[in-house]
């Protein structure tokens, strides 16, 4: 569920992960570690986790 919400926000509202994290006051390291624990990785070229 978290990945879906983050990808939706990246697609619709934010040009990159850094901007999303700054605007939403989210720790980038925690977010990438949490999604990484289920095998998801951020791809800056497509601006999404996959």
N, C-alpha and C. Protein backbone atom coordinates (compact mmCIF):
# COMPACT_ATOMS: atom_id res chain seq x y z
N UNK A 1 0.83 -1.18 0.00
CA UNK A 1 0.00 0.00 0.00
C UNK A 1 0.88 1.26 0.00
N UNK A 2 1.93 1.27 0.83
CA UNK A 2 2.82 2.42 0.90
C UNK A 2 3.43 2.72 -0.45
N UNK A 3 3.90 1.70 -1.14
CA UNK A 3 4.51 1.91 -2.45
C UNK A 3 3.51 2.53 -3.42
N UNK A 4 2.29 2.07 -3.41
CA UNK A 4 1.26 2.61 -4.31
C UNK A 4 1.01 4.09 -4.06
N UNK A 5 0.92 4.46 -2.79
CA UNK A 5 0.66 5.87 -2.45
C UNK A 5 1.85 6.74 -2.84
N UNK A 6 3.05 6.28 -2.54
CA UNK A 6 4.25 7.06 -2.88
C UNK A 6 4.38 7.20 -4.39
N UNK A 7 4.17 6.12 -5.14
CA UNK A 7 4.26 6.20 -6.60
C UNK A 7 3.20 7.12 -7.18
N UNK A 8 2.00 7.11 -6.60
CA UNK A 8 0.95 8.00 -7.06
C UNK A 8 1.35 9.46 -6.84
N UNK A 9 1.89 9.75 -5.65
CA UNK A 9 2.34 11.11 -5.35
C UNK A 9 3.48 11.53 -6.28
N UNK A 10 4.43 10.63 -6.52
CA UNK A 10 5.53 10.93 -7.43
C UNK A 10 5.02 11.20 -8.85
N UNK A 11 4.08 10.40 -9.27
CA UNK A 11 3.54 10.55 -10.63
C UNK A 11 2.73 11.85 -10.77
N UNK A 12 1.90 12.15 -9.78
CA UNK A 12 0.93 13.25 -9.92
C UNK A 12 1.40 14.59 -9.37
N UNK A 13 2.33 14.58 -8.42
CA UNK A 13 2.61 15.82 -7.69
C UNK A 13 4.07 16.23 -7.60
N UNK A 14 5.00 15.31 -7.72
CA UNK A 14 6.39 15.63 -7.44
C UNK A 14 7.33 15.21 -8.56
N UNK A 15 8.29 16.06 -8.88
CA UNK A 15 9.22 15.74 -9.97
C UNK A 15 10.30 14.73 -9.59
N UNK A 16 10.50 14.53 -8.27
CA UNK A 16 11.51 13.58 -7.82
C UNK A 16 11.29 13.23 -6.34
N UNK A 17 12.01 12.22 -5.89
CA UNK A 17 11.87 11.73 -4.53
C UNK A 17 12.32 12.76 -3.49
N UNK A 18 13.37 13.49 -3.78
CA UNK A 18 13.86 14.50 -2.83
C UNK A 18 12.79 15.56 -2.56
N UNK A 19 12.12 16.01 -3.60
CA UNK A 19 11.07 17.02 -3.45
C UNK A 19 9.91 16.48 -2.64
N UNK A 20 9.50 15.25 -2.92
CA UNK A 20 8.42 14.62 -2.16
C UNK A 20 8.78 14.56 -0.68
N UNK A 21 9.97 14.07 -0.38
CA UNK A 21 10.40 13.92 1.01
C UNK A 21 10.47 15.26 1.73
N UNK A 22 10.99 16.27 1.07
CA UNK A 22 11.08 17.60 1.67
C UNK A 22 9.69 18.16 1.94
N UNK A 23 8.82 18.10 0.94
CA UNK A 23 7.48 18.67 1.06
C UNK A 23 6.62 17.94 2.09
N UNK A 24 6.75 16.63 2.15
CA UNK A 24 5.93 15.83 3.06
C UNK A 24 6.61 15.57 4.40
N UNK A 25 7.80 16.15 4.59
CA UNK A 25 8.56 15.97 5.82
C UNK A 25 8.77 14.48 6.14
N UNK A 26 9.25 13.76 5.14
CA UNK A 26 9.51 12.32 5.24
C UNK A 26 11.02 12.11 5.18
N UNK A 27 11.53 11.26 6.04
CA UNK A 27 12.94 10.92 6.03
C UNK A 27 13.19 9.99 4.84
N UNK A 28 13.96 10.46 3.87
CA UNK A 28 14.22 9.70 2.64
C UNK A 28 14.86 8.35 2.95
N UNK A 29 15.79 8.33 3.88
CA UNK A 29 16.48 7.08 4.24
C UNK A 29 15.49 6.05 4.80
N UNK A 30 14.61 6.50 5.66
CA UNK A 30 13.61 5.59 6.24
C UNK A 30 12.68 5.06 5.15
N UNK A 31 12.23 5.95 4.27
CA UNK A 31 11.32 5.54 3.20
C UNK A 31 11.99 4.53 2.27
N UNK A 32 13.20 4.83 1.81
CA UNK A 32 13.87 3.91 0.88
C UNK A 32 14.23 2.58 1.57
N UNK A 33 14.57 2.64 2.85
CA UNK A 33 14.87 1.41 3.59
C UNK A 33 13.61 0.56 3.77
N UNK A 34 12.51 1.21 4.12
CA UNK A 34 11.25 0.50 4.32
C UNK A 34 10.79 -0.17 3.03
N UNK A 35 10.80 0.57 1.93
CA UNK A 35 10.39 -0.03 0.66
C UNK A 35 11.44 -1.02 0.15
N UNK A 36 12.70 -0.76 0.47
CA UNK A 36 13.74 -1.70 0.09
C UNK A 36 13.60 -3.05 0.78
N UNK A 37 13.04 -3.05 1.97
CA UNK A 37 12.87 -4.30 2.72
C UNK A 37 11.89 -5.25 2.04
N UNK A 38 11.07 -4.72 1.14
CA UNK A 38 10.16 -5.59 0.38
C UNK A 38 10.60 -5.69 -1.09
N UNK A 39 11.85 -5.31 -1.34
CA UNK A 39 12.43 -5.48 -2.66
C UNK A 39 12.19 -4.34 -3.63
N UNK A 40 11.68 -3.23 -3.15
CA UNK A 40 11.41 -2.09 -4.02
C UNK A 40 12.60 -1.13 -4.03
N UNK A 41 12.85 -0.54 -5.17
CA UNK A 41 13.98 0.37 -5.35
C UNK A 41 13.51 1.58 -6.15
N UNK A 42 13.99 2.77 -5.75
CA UNK A 42 13.62 3.98 -6.47
C UNK A 42 14.43 4.12 -7.75
N UNK A 43 13.74 4.41 -8.86
CA UNK A 43 14.39 4.64 -10.13
C UNK A 43 14.17 6.10 -10.50
N UNK A 44 15.21 6.94 -10.44
CA UNK A 44 15.04 8.36 -10.74
C UNK A 44 14.68 8.65 -12.19
N UNK A 45 15.03 7.75 -13.10
CA UNK A 45 14.70 7.96 -14.51
C UNK A 45 13.20 7.88 -14.76
N UNK A 46 12.54 6.98 -14.06
CA UNK A 46 11.09 6.83 -14.21
C UNK A 46 10.33 7.49 -13.07
N UNK A 47 11.06 7.99 -12.05
CA UNK A 47 10.47 8.65 -10.89
C UNK A 47 9.45 7.76 -10.19
N UNK A 48 9.85 6.52 -9.93
CA UNK A 48 8.95 5.62 -9.20
C UNK A 48 9.73 4.50 -8.54
N UNK A 49 9.08 3.87 -7.58
CA UNK A 49 9.63 2.67 -6.95
C UNK A 49 9.14 1.48 -7.75
N UNK A 50 10.03 0.51 -7.92
CA UNK A 50 9.67 -0.72 -8.63
C UNK A 50 10.47 -1.88 -8.12
